[in-house]
Amino acid sequence: MASLFLVRYGELALKSPPVRREFESHLRRNILDQFVREGITSRLRADHGHLYVEADDGERARQVLRRIFGVTSISAVEEVSSDRAAIRDRLLALAEPRLVPGTRFAVRARRTGSHPFTSQELARDLGSDVLERFADRDLKVDLTHPEVELFVEVRGPRTYLYFDRSPGPGGLPLGVAGPLAALVDGPRGALGAFLMMKRGCRVALVALPSGEPYVRETLTRFDPRARVTRTDPDPAAWGDCLALVANETRADGVVLPLSVDEFPAAREKWGDRVLFSPTVGFTDAEVEDRWKSVAALAQ
């Protein structure tokens, strides 16, 4: 049975209409590209601020969507009509196995479009329906620290019911910003490349031996199309290699793991290209902590 996911991409929705349409187009292409590479059959549709992805393999689809730049979060959803009785009946059926005796719960309702009820009225009424249906379970409404949250998102004639959110990497879709080349020597270099990818840059990865696991196990899972070049740890060798890759990919800039001042000889090889060092302000402990979060998303 196919699974349906609601995909949120918050920052994109704030752009002007022409820019938003372009970014959304990149996002859809990136999702479909990753699904094709994973062999997952999928169908996409959209409304303002959301994508809806229907996939035959729900668990694998969730894992892929969590690695798509631009996606802020995803939820597996049940779709029903926006008829009040239809929403109530399906929500109660889905909630029944989750609401064990004594559970503290909350109904979170949002509404877009014209309907004979407000979001607050819908949440209040559905909460009352839950208490009435499961009166023998001693349930408690707790809007601050609930154990179970019942989400109801009414969008025009269709309503989506769900119970949790899985985070995505956020940022902007790959391809909306200029290409870069990055030196990956370990977690610091890998995090720097990731942060620039998150801003929409396609990044060609130049990996030292110490950086290869970070490229292979994590970064290429966020961008399977990324060019990967292996190089020798000698500064002269990797400096030449990085310059060559930057030239061949027509990169707008080069990403380094530390301050650009630490590479004065290599800097001359890159001409007028912009040099980025996005992790220069992080301590090693901060880099390790942030990288753990990135690696978790890649799984």
Protein backbone atom coordinates (compact mmCIF):
# COMPACT_ATOMS: atom_id res chain seq x y z
CA MET A 1 0.00 0.00 0.00
CA ALA A 2 1.36 3.44 -0.96
CA SER A 3 2.31 5.92 1.75
CA LEU A 4 1.53 9.63 1.58
CA PHE A 5 3.90 12.24 3.01
CA LEU A 6 3.33 15.92 3.66
CA VAL A 7 6.62 17.71 2.94
CA ARG A 8 7.24 21.18 4.39
CA TYR A 9 9.78 23.63 3.03
CA GLY A 10 9.27 26.76 5.13
CA GLU A 11 11.96 29.16 3.86
CA LEU A 12 11.04 28.74 0.20
CA ALA A 13 7.47 29.89 0.80
CA LEU A 14 8.78 33.31 1.93
CA LYS A 15 10.31 34.12 -1.46
CA SER A 16 8.64 36.24 -4.12
CA PRO A 17 6.30 34.25 -6.39
CA PRO A 18 8.74 33.94 -9.35
CA VAL A 19 11.66 32.94 -7.09
CA ARG A 20 9.47 30.56 -5.11
CA ARG A 21 8.30 28.83 -8.29
CA GLU A 22 11.91 28.39 -9.44
CA PHE A 23 13.05 27.04 -6.06
CA GLU A 24 10.04 24.70 -5.83
CA SER A 25 10.87 23.37 -9.29
CA HIS A 26 14.43 22.60 -8.16
CA LEU A 27 13.08 20.92 -5.03
CA ARG A 28 10.69 18.68 -6.98
CA ARG A 29 13.43 17.69 -9.43
CA ASN A 30 15.83 16.89 -6.59
CA ILE A 31 13.23 14.70 -4.86
CA LEU A 32 12.42 12.82 -8.05
CA ASP A 33 16.12 12.45 -8.89
CA GLN A 34 16.88 10.87 -5.52
CA PHE A 35 13.84 8.60 -5.75
CA VAL A 36 14.85 7.40 -9.21
CA ARG A 37 18.37 6.66 -7.98
CA GLU A 38 16.91 4.68 -5.06
CA GLY A 39 14.45 2.85 -7.31
CA ILE A 40 11.41 4.20 -5.44
CA THR A 41 8.20 4.78 -7.39
CA SER A 42 6.66 8.11 -6.43
CA ARG A 43 4.15 10.78 -7.40
CA LEU A 44 4.31 14.46 -6.43
CA ARG A 45 1.79 17.25 -6.18
CA ALA A 46 1.92 20.63 -4.48
CA ASP A 47 0.00 23.47 -2.94
CA HIS A 48 1.28 26.70 -1.42
CA GLY A 49 3.99 25.86 1.11
CA HIS A 50 3.73 22.07 0.91
CA LEU A 51 4.52 19.13 -1.31
CA TYR A 52 2.68 15.83 -1.16
CA VAL A 53 4.72 12.75 -2.01
CA GLU A 54 3.06 9.39 -2.55
CA ALA A 55 5.54 6.50 -2.54
CA ASP A 56 5.22 2.75 -2.77
CA ASP A 57 7.96 2.14 -0.18
CA GLY A 58 7.10 4.40 2.74
CA GLU A 59 10.08 3.73 5.00
CA ARG A 60 12.69 4.20 2.29
CA ALA A 61 10.85 7.27 1.01
CA ARG A 62 10.98 8.84 4.48
CA GLN A 63 14.74 8.25 4.67
CA VAL A 64 15.29 9.85 1.27
CA LEU A 65 13.10 12.88 2.00
CA ARG A 66 15.06 13.58 5.19
CA ARG A 67 18.17 14.09 3.02
CA ILE A 68 16.67 16.61 0.59
CA PHE A 69 17.92 20.16 1.06
CA GLY A 70 15.03 22.60 1.31
CA VAL A 71 12.85 20.15 3.24
CA THR A 72 12.28 21.32 6.82
CA SER A 73 10.17 18.37 7.98
CA ILE A 74 7.97 15.54 6.75
CA SER A 75 4.99 13.68 8.14
CA ALA A 76 3.30 10.47 7.07
CA VAL A 77 -0.34 11.53 6.69
CA GLU A 78 -3.83 10.15 6.20
CA GLU A 79 -5.89 12.11 3.69
CA VAL A 80 -9.64 12.63 4.12
CA SER A 81 -12.21 15.12 2.89
CA SER A 82 -12.62 18.33 4.88
CA ASP A 83 -16.12 17.31 5.93
CA ARG A 84 -16.32 17.72 9.70
CA ALA A 85 -17.74 14.22 10.29
CA ALA A 86 -15.12 12.60 8.03
CA ILE A 87 -12.31 14.30 9.94
CA ARG A 88 -13.77 13.20 13.29
CA ASP A 89 -14.36 9.60 12.32
CA ARG A 90 -10.93 9.03 10.80
CA LEU A 91 -9.09 10.85 13.59
CA LEU A 92 -10.78 8.74 16.25
CA ALA A 93 -9.93 5.54 14.38
CA LEU A 94 -6.27 6.51 14.00
CA ALA A 95 -5.98 7.79 17.59
CA GLU A 96 -7.50 4.74 19.28
CA PRO A 97 -4.32 2.58 19.45
CA ARG A 98 -2.21 5.54 20.54
CA LEU A 99 -4.36 6.73 23.43
CA VAL A 100 -3.75 4.22 26.20
CA PRO A 101 -5.45 4.82 29.57
CA GLY A 102 -4.21 7.91 31.37
CA THR A 103 -2.63 9.53 28.27
CA ARG A 104 -2.17 13.28 28.19
CA PHE A 105 -3.01 14.46 24.65
CA ALA A 106 -3.48 17.57 22.54
CA VAL A 107 -5.23 18.26 19.25
CA ARG A 108 -3.32 20.69 17.01
CA ALA A 109 -5.49 22.03 14.18
CA ARG A 110 -4.57 24.34 11.31
CA ARG A 111 -6.81 25.52 8.51
CA THR A 112 -6.31 27.05 5.06
CA GLY A 113 -9.29 28.05 2.93
CA SER A 114 -12.94 28.75 3.64
CA HIS A 115 -14.72 26.41 6.07
CA PRO A 116 -17.63 26.65 8.52
CA PHE A 117 -15.24 26.40 11.47
CA THR A 118 -12.07 28.07 12.72
CA SER A 119 -8.88 26.24 13.64
CA GLN A 120 -9.57 26.81 17.34
CA GLU A 121 -13.14 25.56 17.06
CA LEU A 122 -12.02 22.44 15.20
CA ALA A 123 -9.32 21.64 17.78
CA ARG A 124 -11.74 22.18 20.66
CA ASP A 125 -14.50 20.08 19.13
CA LEU A 126 -12.18 17.22 18.15
CA GLY A 127 -10.69 17.22 21.64
CA SER A 128 -14.20 16.86 23.04
CA ASP A 129 -14.92 14.05 20.57
CA VAL A 130 -11.82 12.18 21.76
CA LEU A 131 -12.76 12.55 25.43
CA GLU A 132 -16.31 11.40 24.74
CA ARG A 133 -15.35 8.39 22.61
CA PHE A 134 -12.70 7.18 25.08
CA ALA A 135 -14.38 8.26 28.29
CA ASP A 136 -13.36 5.03 30.02
CA ARG A 137 -9.62 5.69 29.49
CA ASP A 138 -9.23 8.66 31.85
CA LEU A 139 -7.56 10.79 29.16
CA LYS A 140 -6.35 14.30 29.96
CA VAL A 141 -6.00 17.31 27.67
CA ASP A 142 -2.53 18.82 28.03
CA LEU A 143 -1.66 21.54 25.54
CA THR A 144 1.77 22.22 27.05
CA HIS A 145 3.43 18.82 27.53
CA PRO A 146 1.22 16.20 25.84
CA GLU A 147 2.34 12.61 25.48
CA VAL A 148 0.42 12.27 22.20
CA GLU A 149 -0.28 15.04 19.70
CA LEU A 150 -3.05 14.66 17.11
CA PHE A 151 -2.35 16.98 14.17
CA VAL A 152 -5.14 18.04 11.82
CA GLU A 153 -4.23 20.16 8.80
CA VAL A 154 -7.21 21.33 6.76
CA ARG A 155 -6.17 22.58 3.31
CA GLY A 156 -9.14 23.49 1.15
CA PRO A 157 -11.28 20.44 0.35
CA ARG A 158 -8.74 17.93 1.72
CA THR A 159 -7.57 17.34 5.30
CA TYR A 160 -4.39 15.61 6.46
CA LEU A 161 -4.09 13.78 9.77
CA TYR A 162 -0.74 12.88 11.34
CA PHE A 163 0.99 12.25 14.64
CA ASP A 164 4.63 13.30 14.31
CA ARG A 165 7.22 15.13 12.24
CA SER A 166 10.61 13.94 11.00
CA PRO A 167 13.16 16.74 10.53
CA GLY A 168 14.84 17.46 7.21
CA PRO A 169 18.03 19.44 6.62
CA GLY A 170 16.21 22.67 5.75
CA GLY A 171 18.01 25.35 3.77
CA LEU A 172 17.58 25.77 0.02
CA PRO A 173 17.33 23.17 -2.76
CA LEU A 174 20.56 22.08 -4.40
CA GLY A 175 21.19 23.96 -7.61
CA VAL A 176 19.65 27.33 -6.79
CA ALA A 177 23.07 28.86 -5.98
CA GLY A 178 26.41 28.76 -7.78
CA PRO A 179 28.73 25.73 -7.80
CA LEU A 180 31.64 25.39 -5.38
CA ALA A 181 34.62 23.10 -4.78
CA ALA A 182 35.40 21.99 -1.21
CA LEU A 183 38.36 20.40 0.54
CA VAL A 184 37.21 17.65 2.92
CA ASP A 185 39.89 16.66 5.43
CA GLY A 186 37.64 15.37 8.24
CA PRO A 187 34.56 16.54 10.17
CA ARG A 188 35.41 20.24 9.88
CA GLY A 189 35.85 20.15 6.12
CA ALA A 190 32.79 17.91 5.73
CA LEU A 191 30.63 20.24 7.83
CA GLY A 192 31.82 23.23 5.79
CA ALA A 193 30.83 21.49 2.55
CA PHE A 194 27.48 20.50 4.05
CA LEU A 195 26.69 24.07 5.15
CA MET A 196 27.32 25.40 1.64
CA MET A 197 25.23 22.60 0.12
CA LYS A 198 22.48 23.62 2.53
CA ARG A 199 22.48 27.08 0.95
CA GLY A 200 21.75 25.61 -2.47
CA CYS A 201 25.30 25.16 -3.84
CA ARG A 202 26.32 22.07 -5.78
CA VAL A 203 29.68 21.22 -4.21
CA ALA A 204 32.46 19.23 -5.90
CA LEU A 205 34.23 17.32 -3.12
CA VAL A 206 38.02 16.99 -2.96
CA ALA A 207 38.73 14.38 -0.29
CA LEU A 208 41.94 13.80 1.59
CA PRO A 209 42.34 10.21 2.90
CA SER A 210 41.17 11.41 6.33
CA GLY A 211 38.07 12.92 4.75
CA GLU A 212 37.00 10.01 2.54
CA PRO A 213 34.69 8.34 5.10
CA TYR A 214 32.81 11.62 5.63
CA VAL A 215 32.32 11.99 1.90
CA ARG A 216 31.38 8.39 1.20
CA GLU A 217 29.14 7.74 4.21
CA THR A 218 27.38 11.09 4.54
CA LEU A 219 27.87 13.89 2.01
CA THR A 220 27.16 11.83 -1.10
CA ARG A 221 23.94 10.64 0.50
CA PHE A 222 22.72 14.24 0.44
CA ASP A 223 23.90 14.68 -3.16
CA PRO A 224 24.47 11.41 -5.05
CA ARG A 225 25.47 13.45 -8.12
CA ALA A 226 28.33 15.21 -6.33
CA ARG A 227 31.70 14.93 -8.04
CA VAL A 228 34.23 13.27 -5.73
CA THR A 229 38.00 13.55 -6.29
CA ARG A 230 40.56 11.94 -4.03
CA THR A 231 43.85 13.69 -3.40
CA ASP A 232 47.14 13.35 -1.51
CA PRO A 233 47.44 15.05 1.90
CA ASP A 234 50.50 17.05 0.78
CA PRO A 235 49.42 20.73 0.59
CA ALA A 236 50.94 21.22 -2.85
CA ALA A 237 49.09 18.17 -4.18
CA TRP A 238 45.69 19.01 -2.78
CA GLY A 239 46.10 22.67 -3.66
CA ASP A 240 46.67 21.76 -7.32
CA CYS A 241 43.85 19.22 -7.23
CA LEU A 242 41.37 21.65 -5.71
CA ALA A 243 42.32 24.31 -8.27
CA LEU A 244 41.86 21.80 -11.11
CA VAL A 245 38.45 20.67 -9.85
CA ALA A 246 37.35 24.27 -9.35
CA ASN A 247 38.35 25.09 -12.93
CA GLU A 248 36.72 22.01 -14.44
CA THR A 249 33.44 22.52 -12.59
CA ARG A 250 33.50 26.30 -13.15
CA ALA A 251 33.13 26.79 -9.44
CA ASP A 252 32.32 30.27 -8.18
CA GLY A 253 34.30 29.66 -5.02
CA VAL A 254 36.36 27.30 -2.89
CA VAL A 255 35.44 25.98 0.56
CA LEU A 256 38.24 25.35 3.07
CA PRO A 257 38.05 23.67 6.49
CA LEU A 258 39.89 26.46 8.36
CA SER A 259 40.79 30.10 7.99
CA VAL A 260 41.95 30.94 4.48
CA ASP A 261 45.00 32.63 6.01
CA GLU A 262 46.38 29.19 6.83
CA PHE A 263 46.74 28.40 3.12
CA PRO A 264 48.67 31.35 1.64
CA ALA A 265 50.51 29.31 -1.01
CA ALA A 266 47.43 27.42 -2.15
CA ARG A 267 45.38 30.62 -2.25
CA GLU A 268 47.35 31.87 -5.25
CA LYS A 269 46.14 28.94 -7.33
CA TRP A 270 42.48 29.98 -7.19
CA GLY A 271 42.72 33.45 -8.64
CA ASP A 272 39.73 35.67 -7.97
CA ARG A 273 37.45 32.93 -6.69
CA VAL A 274 35.65 33.58 -3.42
CA LEU A 275 37.09 31.57 -0.53
CA PHE A 276 34.67 30.27 2.11
CA SER A 277 35.46 28.92 5.55
CA PRO A 278 32.02 28.46 7.16
CA THR A 279 33.29 26.56 10.22
CA VAL A 280 36.08 28.94 11.20
CA GLY A 281 34.05 30.22 14.17
CA PHE A 282 33.31 26.76 15.56
CA THR A 283 35.37 24.97 18.17
CA ASP A 284 36.30 21.35 17.49
CA ALA A 285 33.68 20.25 20.01
CA GLU A 286 31.00 22.30 18.23
CA VAL A 287 32.01 20.81 14.88
CA GLU A 288 31.76 17.28 16.27
CA ASP A 289 28.36 17.99 17.81
CA ARG A 290 26.94 19.52 14.62
CA TRP A 291 28.36 16.74 12.50
CA LYS A 292 26.62 14.11 14.60
CA SER A 293 23.30 15.75 13.71
CA VAL A 294 24.21 15.80 10.02
CA ALA A 295 25.26 12.14 10.07
CA ALA A 296 22.00 11.19 11.80
CA LEU A 297 19.98 12.79 8.98
CA ALA A 298 21.98 10.82 6.41
CA GLN A 299 20.96 7.44 7.85
